[in-house]
Full PDB file with SEQRES, HELIX, SHEET, SSBOND, CRYST1, ORIGX, SCALE, CONECT and MASTER records, all heavy atoms in Angstrom:
SEQRES   1 A   32  ASN PHE TYR ALA ALA VAL ASP LEU CYS TRP VAL ALA GLY          
SEQRES   2 A   32  SER PHE VAL ASP VAL GLY GLY HIS ASN ILE LEU GLU PRO          
SEQRES   3 A   32  ALA ALA CYS GLY CYS ALA                                      
HELIX    1 AA1 PHE A    2  ALA A    5  1                                   4    
HELIX    2 AA2 LEU A   24  ALA A   28  1                                   5    
CRYST1    1.000    1.000    1.000  90.00  90.00  90.00 P 1           1          
ORIGX1      1.000000  0.000000  0.000000        0.00000                         
ORIGX2      0.000000  1.000000  0.000000        0.00000                         
ORIGX3      0.000000  0.000000  1.000000        0.00000                         
SCALE1      1.000000  0.000000  0.000000        0.00000                         
SCALE2      0.000000  1.000000  0.000000        0.00000                         
SCALE3      0.000000  0.000000  1.000000        0.00000                         
ATOM      1  N   ASN A   1       0.848  -1.189  -0.008  1.00  0.00           N  
ATOM      2  CA  ASN A   1      -0.033  -0.015  -0.024  1.00  0.00           C  
ATOM      3  C   ASN A   1       0.894   1.289  -0.021  1.00  0.00           C  
ATOM      4  O   ASN A   1       0.621   2.208  -0.676  1.00  0.00           O  
ATOM      5  CB  ASN A   1      -0.910  -0.015   1.219  1.00  0.00           C  
ATOM      6  CG  ASN A   1      -1.891  -1.216   1.218  1.00  0.00           C  
ATOM      7  OD1 ASN A   1      -2.080  -1.777   0.243  1.00  0.00           O  
ATOM      8  ND2 ASN A   1      -2.514  -1.362   2.392  1.00  0.00           N  
ATOM      9  N   PHE A   2       1.915   1.197   0.807  1.00  0.00           N  
ATOM     10  CA  PHE A   2       2.851   2.367   0.834  1.00  0.00           C  
ATOM     11  C   PHE A   2       3.603   2.558  -0.543  1.00  0.00           C  
ATOM     12  O   PHE A   2       3.736   3.718  -0.968  1.00  0.00           O  
ATOM     13  CB  PHE A   2       3.825   2.226   1.957  1.00  0.00           C  
ATOM     14  CG  PHE A   2       3.282   2.663   3.297  1.00  0.00           C  
ATOM     15  CD1 PHE A   2       2.893   1.719   4.257  1.00  0.00           C  
ATOM     16  CD2 PHE A   2       3.151   4.025   3.607  1.00  0.00           C  
ATOM     17  CE1 PHE A   2       2.395   2.102   5.447  1.00  0.00           C  
ATOM     18  CE2 PHE A   2       2.624   4.448   4.838  1.00  0.00           C  
ATOM     19  CZ  PHE A   2       2.235   3.465   5.731  1.00  0.00           C  
ATOM     20  N   TYR A   3       3.969   1.469  -1.124  1.00  0.00           N  
ATOM     21  CA  TYR A   3       4.574   1.630  -2.476  1.00  0.00           C  
ATOM     22  C   TYR A   3       3.651   2.233  -3.438  1.00  0.00           C  
ATOM     23  O   TYR A   3       4.109   3.121  -4.331  1.00  0.00           O  
ATOM     24  CB  TYR A   3       5.015   0.224  -3.006  1.00  0.00           C  
ATOM     25  CG  TYR A   3       6.192  -0.406  -2.414  1.00  0.00           C  
ATOM     26  CD1 TYR A   3       6.248  -1.788  -2.188  1.00  0.00           C  
ATOM     27  CD2 TYR A   3       7.331   0.333  -2.141  1.00  0.00           C  
ATOM     28  CE1 TYR A   3       7.359  -2.342  -1.633  1.00  0.00           C  
ATOM     29  CE2 TYR A   3       8.466  -0.252  -1.630  1.00  0.00           C  
ATOM     30  CZ  TYR A   3       8.444  -1.593  -1.369  1.00  0.00           C  
ATOM     31  OH  TYR A   3       9.661  -2.143  -0.897  1.00  0.00           O  
ATOM     32  N   ALA A   4       2.355   1.931  -3.344  1.00  0.00           N  
ATOM     33  CA  ALA A   4       1.371   2.537  -4.230  1.00  0.00           C  
ATOM     34  C   ALA A   4       0.970   3.938  -3.900  1.00  0.00           C  
ATOM     35  O   ALA A   4       0.303   4.647  -4.725  1.00  0.00           O  
ATOM     36  CB  ALA A   4       0.121   1.620  -4.296  1.00  0.00           C  
ATOM     37  N   ALA A   5       1.374   4.385  -2.733  1.00  0.00           N  
ATOM     38  CA  ALA A   5       0.924   5.722  -2.202  1.00  0.00           C  
ATOM     39  C   ALA A   5       2.006   6.798  -2.330  1.00  0.00           C  
ATOM     40  O   ALA A   5       1.679   7.987  -2.430  1.00  0.00           O  
ATOM     41  CB  ALA A   5       0.494   5.602  -0.730  1.00  0.00           C  
ATOM     42  N   VAL A   6       3.280   6.442  -2.246  1.00  0.00           N  
ATOM     43  CA  VAL A   6       4.346   7.483  -2.133  1.00  0.00           C  
ATOM     44  C   VAL A   6       4.867   7.871  -3.516  1.00  0.00           C  
ATOM     45  O   VAL A   6       4.536   7.331  -4.535  1.00  0.00           O  
ATOM     46  CB  VAL A   6       5.505   6.905  -1.230  1.00  0.00           C  
ATOM     47  CG1 VAL A   6       4.982   6.511   0.083  1.00  0.00           C  
ATOM     48  CG2 VAL A   6       6.240   5.780  -1.965  1.00  0.00           C  
ATOM     49  N   ASP A   7       5.699   8.914  -3.490  1.00  0.00           N  
ATOM     50  CA  ASP A   7       6.294   9.447  -4.690  1.00  0.00           C  
ATOM     51  C   ASP A   7       7.479   8.679  -5.209  1.00  0.00           C  
ATOM     52  O   ASP A   7       7.747   8.551  -6.416  1.00  0.00           O  
ATOM     53  CB  ASP A   7       6.577  10.969  -4.557  1.00  0.00           C  
ATOM     54  CG  ASP A   7       5.432  11.787  -4.340  1.00  0.00           C  
ATOM     55  OD1 ASP A   7       4.606  11.952  -5.283  1.00  0.00           O  
ATOM     56  OD2 ASP A   7       5.188  12.279  -3.193  1.00  0.00           O  
ATOM     57  N   LEU A   8       8.307   8.255  -4.256  1.00  0.00           N  
ATOM     58  CA  LEU A   8       9.478   7.412  -4.552  1.00  0.00           C  
ATOM     59  C   LEU A   8       9.951   6.676  -3.314  1.00  0.00           C  
ATOM     60  O   LEU A   8       9.554   7.068  -2.214  1.00  0.00           O  
ATOM     61  CB  LEU A   8      10.554   8.294  -5.157  1.00  0.00           C  
ATOM     62  CG  LEU A   8      11.399   9.231  -4.216  1.00  0.00           C  
ATOM     63  CD1 LEU A   8      12.673   9.659  -4.846  1.00  0.00           C  
ATOM     64  CD2 LEU A   8      10.530  10.469  -3.919  1.00  0.00           C  
ATOM     65  N   CYS A   9      10.751   5.667  -3.549  1.00  0.00           N  
ATOM     66  CA  CYS A   9      11.205   4.863  -2.381  1.00  0.00           C  
ATOM     67  C   CYS A   9      12.670   4.515  -2.502  1.00  0.00           C  
ATOM     68  O   CYS A   9      13.231   4.385  -3.550  1.00  0.00           O  
ATOM     69  CB  CYS A   9      10.364   3.662  -2.232  1.00  0.00           C  
ATOM     70  SG  CYS A   9      10.621   2.396  -3.467  1.00  0.00           S  
ATOM     71  N   TRP A  10      13.264   4.266  -1.384  1.00  0.00           N  
ATOM     72  CA  TRP A  10      14.577   3.627  -1.249  1.00  0.00           C  
ATOM     73  C   TRP A  10      14.267   2.232  -0.684  1.00  0.00           C  
ATOM     74  O   TRP A  10      13.767   2.078   0.401  1.00  0.00           O  
ATOM     75  CB  TRP A  10      15.509   4.385  -0.325  1.00  0.00           C  
ATOM     76  CG  TRP A  10      16.663   3.631   0.244  1.00  0.00           C  
ATOM     77  CD1 TRP A  10      17.428   2.709  -0.533  1.00  0.00           C  
ATOM     78  CD2 TRP A  10      17.175   3.583   1.587  1.00  0.00           C  
ATOM     79  NE1 TRP A  10      18.397   2.131   0.318  1.00  0.00           N  
ATOM     80  CE2 TRP A  10      18.215   2.670   1.571  1.00  0.00           C  
ATOM     81  CE3 TRP A  10      16.809   4.250   2.716  1.00  0.00           C  
ATOM     82  CZ2 TRP A  10      18.967   2.381   2.760  1.00  0.00           C  
ATOM     83  CZ3 TRP A  10      17.565   3.989   3.848  1.00  0.00           C  
ATOM     84  CH2 TRP A  10      18.599   3.077   3.891  1.00  0.00           C  
ATOM     85  N   VAL A  11      14.610   1.218  -1.431  1.00  0.00           N  
ATOM     86  CA  VAL A  11      14.418  -0.210  -0.944  1.00  0.00           C  
ATOM     87  C   VAL A  11      15.709  -0.542  -0.195  1.00  0.00           C  
ATOM     88  O   VAL A  11      16.798  -0.569  -0.748  1.00  0.00           O  
ATOM     89  CB  VAL A  11      14.175  -1.199  -2.081  1.00  0.00           C  
ATOM     90  CG1 VAL A  11      14.120  -2.630  -1.494  1.00  0.00           C  
ATOM     91  CG2 VAL A  11      12.878  -0.806  -2.728  1.00  0.00           C  
ATOM     92  N   ALA A  12      15.617  -0.726   1.155  1.00  0.00           N  
ATOM     93  CA  ALA A  12      16.774  -0.904   1.987  1.00  0.00           C  
ATOM     94  C   ALA A  12      17.303  -2.359   1.989  1.00  0.00           C  
ATOM     95  O   ALA A  12      16.988  -3.148   1.085  1.00  0.00           O  
ATOM     96  CB  ALA A  12      16.446  -0.361   3.427  1.00  0.00           C  
ATOM     97  N   GLY A  13      18.080  -2.680   3.030  1.00  0.00           N  
ATOM     98  CA  GLY A  13      18.809  -3.900   2.967  1.00  0.00           C  
ATOM     99  C   GLY A  13      19.960  -3.891   2.062  1.00  0.00           C  
ATOM    100  O   GLY A  13      20.536  -4.923   1.755  1.00  0.00           O  
ATOM    101  N   SER A  14      20.245  -2.638   1.584  1.00  0.00           N  
ATOM    102  CA  SER A  14      21.231  -2.521   0.528  1.00  0.00           C  
ATOM    103  C   SER A  14      22.472  -1.664   0.957  1.00  0.00           C  
ATOM    104  O   SER A  14      23.434  -1.504   0.261  1.00  0.00           O  
ATOM    105  CB  SER A  14      20.685  -1.855  -0.706  1.00  0.00           C  
ATOM    106  OG  SER A  14      19.897  -0.698  -0.412  1.00  0.00           O  
ATOM    107  N   PHE A  15      22.408  -1.193   2.235  1.00  0.00           N  
ATOM    108  CA  PHE A  15      23.602  -0.515   2.900  1.00  0.00           C  
ATOM    109  C   PHE A  15      24.065  -1.286   4.010  1.00  0.00           C  
ATOM    110  O   PHE A  15      24.986  -0.867   4.779  1.00  0.00           O  
ATOM    111  CB  PHE A  15      23.211   0.955   3.313  1.00  0.00           C  
ATOM    112  CG  PHE A  15      23.320   1.912   2.164  1.00  0.00           C  
ATOM    113  CD1 PHE A  15      22.133   2.526   1.681  1.00  0.00           C  
ATOM    114  CD2 PHE A  15      24.539   2.323   1.637  1.00  0.00           C  
ATOM    115  CE1 PHE A  15      22.212   3.441   0.715  1.00  0.00           C  
ATOM    116  CE2 PHE A  15      24.604   3.270   0.636  1.00  0.00           C  
ATOM    117  CZ  PHE A  15      23.437   3.811   0.100  1.00  0.00           C  
ATOM    118  N   VAL A  16      23.597  -2.519   4.204  1.00  0.00           N  
ATOM    119  CA  VAL A  16      24.062  -3.436   5.273  1.00  0.00           C  
ATOM    120  C   VAL A  16      24.354  -4.703   4.619  1.00  0.00           C  
ATOM    121  O   VAL A  16      23.936  -4.976   3.472  1.00  0.00           O  
ATOM    122  CB  VAL A  16      23.037  -3.515   6.435  1.00  0.00           C  
ATOM    123  CG1 VAL A  16      22.923  -2.275   7.185  1.00  0.00           C  
ATOM    124  CG2 VAL A  16      21.687  -3.875   5.838  1.00  0.00           C  
ATOM    125  N   ASP A  17      24.913  -5.613   5.354  1.00  0.00           N  
ATOM    126  CA  ASP A  17      25.294  -6.971   4.842  1.00  0.00           C  
ATOM    127  C   ASP A  17      24.060  -7.922   4.736  1.00  0.00           C  
ATOM    128  O   ASP A  17      24.011  -8.916   5.403  1.00  0.00           O  
ATOM    129  CB  ASP A  17      26.407  -7.570   5.647  1.00  0.00           C  
ATOM    130  CG  ASP A  17      26.983  -8.863   5.030  1.00  0.00           C  
ATOM    131  OD1 ASP A  17      26.816  -9.046   3.786  1.00  0.00           O  
ATOM    132  OD2 ASP A  17      27.635  -9.693   5.693  1.00  0.00           O  
ATOM    133  N   VAL A  18      23.138  -7.559   3.953  1.00  0.00           N  
ATOM    134  CA  VAL A  18      21.884  -8.312   3.770  1.00  0.00           C  
ATOM    135  C   VAL A  18      21.712  -8.737   2.311  1.00  0.00           C  
ATOM    136  O   VAL A  18      21.226  -9.855   2.042  1.00  0.00           O  
ATOM    137  CB  VAL A  18      20.720  -7.455   4.246  1.00  0.00           C  
ATOM    138  CG1 VAL A  18      19.323  -8.161   3.845  1.00  0.00           C  
ATOM    139  CG2 VAL A  18      20.672  -7.278   5.745  1.00  0.00           C  
ATOM    140  N   GLY A  19      22.059  -7.854   1.354  1.00  0.00           N  
ATOM    141  CA  GLY A  19      21.986  -8.241  -0.005  1.00  0.00           C  
ATOM    142  C   GLY A  19      20.780  -7.660  -0.765  1.00  0.00           C  
ATOM    143  O   GLY A  19      20.519  -8.059  -1.843  1.00  0.00           O  
ATOM    144  N   GLY A  20      20.107  -6.743  -0.091  1.00  0.00           N  
ATOM    145  CA  GLY A  20      18.980  -6.043  -0.796  1.00  0.00           C  
ATOM    146  C   GLY A  20      17.617  -6.794  -0.661  1.00  0.00           C  
ATOM    147  O   GLY A  20      17.524  -7.962  -0.236  1.00  0.00           O  
ATOM    148  N   HIS A  21      16.594  -6.119  -1.025  1.00  0.00           N  
ATOM    149  CA  HIS A  21      15.265  -6.646  -1.012  1.00  0.00           C  
ATOM    150  C   HIS A  21      14.548  -6.428  -2.321  1.00  0.00           C  
ATOM    151  O   HIS A  21      15.112  -5.845  -3.197  1.00  0.00           O  
ATOM    152  CB  HIS A  21      14.415  -6.051   0.098  1.00  0.00           C  
ATOM    153  CG  HIS A  21      14.923  -6.425   1.507  1.00  0.00           C  
ATOM    154  ND1 HIS A  21      15.020  -7.708   1.954  1.00  0.00           N  
ATOM    155  CD2 HIS A  21      15.360  -5.649   2.536  1.00  0.00           C  
ATOM    156  CE1 HIS A  21      15.504  -7.684   3.207  1.00  0.00           C  
ATOM    157  NE2 HIS A  21      15.697  -6.564   3.574  1.00  0.00           N  
ATOM    158  N   ASN A  22      13.343  -7.009  -2.431  1.00  0.00           N  
ATOM    159  CA  ASN A  22      12.637  -7.074  -3.683  1.00  0.00           C  
ATOM    160  C   ASN A  22      12.317  -5.668  -4.284  1.00  0.00           C  
ATOM    161  O   ASN A  22      11.595  -4.905  -3.651  1.00  0.00           O  
ATOM    162  CB  ASN A  22      11.312  -7.827  -3.439  1.00  0.00           C  
ATOM    163  CG  ASN A  22      10.508  -8.195  -4.695  1.00  0.00           C  
ATOM    164  OD1 ASN A  22      10.957  -7.835  -5.779  1.00  0.00           O  
ATOM    165  ND2 ASN A  22       9.427  -8.827  -4.511  1.00  0.00           N  
ATOM    166  N   ILE A  23      12.806  -5.415  -5.488  1.00  0.00           N  
ATOM    167  CA  ILE A  23      12.494  -4.149  -6.152  1.00  0.00           C  
ATOM    168  C   ILE A  23      11.341  -4.311  -7.124  1.00  0.00           C  
ATOM    169  O   ILE A  23      10.893  -3.274  -7.649  1.00  0.00           O  
ATOM    170  CB  ILE A  23      13.736  -3.681  -6.913  1.00  0.00           C  
ATOM    171  CG1 ILE A  23      14.181  -4.667  -8.003  1.00  0.00           C  
ATOM    172  CG2 ILE A  23      14.885  -3.288  -5.972  1.00  0.00           C  
ATOM    173  CD1 ILE A  23      15.175  -4.172  -8.976  1.00  0.00           C  
ATOM    174  N   LEU A  24      10.827  -5.552  -7.332  1.00  0.00           N  
ATOM    175  CA  LEU A  24       9.802  -5.742  -8.212  1.00  0.00           C  
ATOM    176  C   LEU A  24       8.457  -5.231  -7.721  1.00  0.00           C  
ATOM    177  O   LEU A  24       7.573  -4.845  -8.500  1.00  0.00           O  
ATOM    178  CB  LEU A  24       9.717  -7.188  -8.683  1.00  0.00           C  
ATOM    179  CG  LEU A  24      10.976  -7.776  -9.397  1.00  0.00           C  
ATOM    180  CD1 LEU A  24      10.793  -9.255  -9.637  1.00  0.00           C  
ATOM    181  CD2 LEU A  24      11.303  -7.006 -10.624  1.00  0.00           C  
ATOM    182  N   GLU A  25       8.240  -5.383  -6.453  1.00  0.00           N  
ATOM    183  CA  GLU A  25       6.971  -4.966  -5.864  1.00  0.00           C  
ATOM    184  C   GLU A  25       6.795  -3.418  -6.042  1.00  0.00           C  
ATOM    185  O   GLU A  25       5.718  -3.002  -6.494  1.00  0.00           O  
ATOM    186  CB  GLU A  25       6.912  -5.294  -4.376  1.00  0.00           C  
ATOM    187  CG  GLU A  25       6.747  -6.786  -4.145  1.00  0.00           C  
ATOM    188  CD  GLU A  25       6.673  -7.168  -2.715  1.00  0.00           C  
ATOM    189  OE1 GLU A  25       7.162  -6.344  -1.841  1.00  0.00           O  
ATOM    190  OE2 GLU A  25       6.147  -8.268  -2.373  1.00  0.00           O  
ATOM    191  N   PRO A  26       7.726  -2.544  -5.648  1.00  0.00           N  
ATOM    192  CA  PRO A  26       7.473  -1.098  -5.888  1.00  0.00           C  
ATOM    193  C   PRO A  26       7.414  -0.808  -7.402  1.00  0.00           C  
ATOM    194  O   PRO A  26       6.659   0.079  -7.759  1.00  0.00           O  
ATOM    195  CB  PRO A  26       8.638  -0.441  -5.267  1.00  0.00           C  
ATOM    196  CG  PRO A  26       9.708  -1.507  -5.179  1.00  0.00           C  
ATOM    197  CD  PRO A  26       8.985  -2.789  -4.916  1.00  0.00           C  
ATOM    198  N   ALA A  27       8.196  -1.543  -8.259  1.00  0.00           N  
ATOM    199  CA  ALA A  27       8.031  -1.321  -9.662  1.00  0.00           C  
ATOM    200  C   ALA A  27       6.694  -1.606 -10.140  1.00  0.00           C  
ATOM    201  O   ALA A  27       6.060  -0.850 -10.940  1.00  0.00           O  
ATOM    202  CB  ALA A  27       9.069  -2.195 -10.365  1.00  0.00           C  
ATOM    203  N   ALA A  28       6.114  -2.691  -9.673  1.00  0.00           N  
ATOM    204  CA  ALA A  28       4.758  -3.107 -10.069  1.00  0.00           C  
ATOM    205  C   ALA A  28       3.691  -2.027  -9.610  1.00  0.00           C  
ATOM    206  O   ALA A  28       2.720  -1.870 -10.296  1.00  0.00           O  
ATOM    207  CB  ALA A  28       4.382  -4.478  -9.553  1.00  0.00           C  
ATOM    208  N   CYS A  29       3.928  -1.351  -8.507  1.00  0.00           N  
ATOM    209  CA  CYS A  29       3.076  -0.370  -7.938  1.00  0.00           C  
ATOM    210  C   CYS A  29       3.239   1.006  -8.622  1.00  0.00           C  
ATOM    211  O   CYS A  29       2.585   1.959  -8.223  1.00  0.00           O  
ATOM    212  CB  CYS A  29       3.242  -0.292  -6.450  1.00  0.00           C  
ATOM    213  SG  CYS A  29       2.707  -1.714  -5.512  1.00  0.00           S  
ATOM    214  N   GLY A  30       4.220   1.058  -9.547  1.00  0.00           N  
ATOM    215  CA  GLY A  30       4.433   2.409 -10.205  1.00  0.00           C  
ATOM    216  C   GLY A  30       5.228   3.398  -9.366  1.00  0.00           C  
ATOM    217  O   GLY A  30       5.057   4.560  -9.590  1.00  0.00           O  
ATOM    218  N   CYS A  31       6.093   2.866  -8.503  1.00  0.00           N  
ATOM    219  CA  CYS A  31       6.863   3.730  -7.639  1.00  0.00           C  
ATOM    220  C   CYS A  31       8.374   3.776  -8.157  1.00  0.00           C  
ATOM    221  O   CYS A  31       8.925   2.768  -8.413  1.00  0.00           O  
ATOM    222  CB  CYS A  31       6.818   3.223  -6.202  1.00  0.00           C  
ATOM    223  SG  CYS A  31       7.734   4.186  -4.998  1.00  0.00           S  
ATOM    224  N   ALA A  32       8.885   4.975  -8.251  1.00  0.00           N  
ATOM    225  CA  ALA A  32      10.265   5.130  -8.615  1.00  0.00           C  
ATOM    226  C   ALA A  32      11.174   4.570  -7.513  1.00  0.00           C  
ATOM    227  O   ALA A  32      10.901   4.762  -6.286  1.00  0.00           O  
ATOM    228  CB  ALA A  32      10.648   6.587  -8.902  1.00  0.00           C  
TER     229      ALA A  32                                                      
MASTER        0    0    0    2    0    0    0    6  228    1    0    3          
END                                                                             
């Protein structure tokens, strides 16, 4: 819901030793 509501997002897990998270969900919601 937040992906579909905001203007843009930073998908985290990418500045720590985690390896990042799913970028396809915000992309599908039309979020930069």
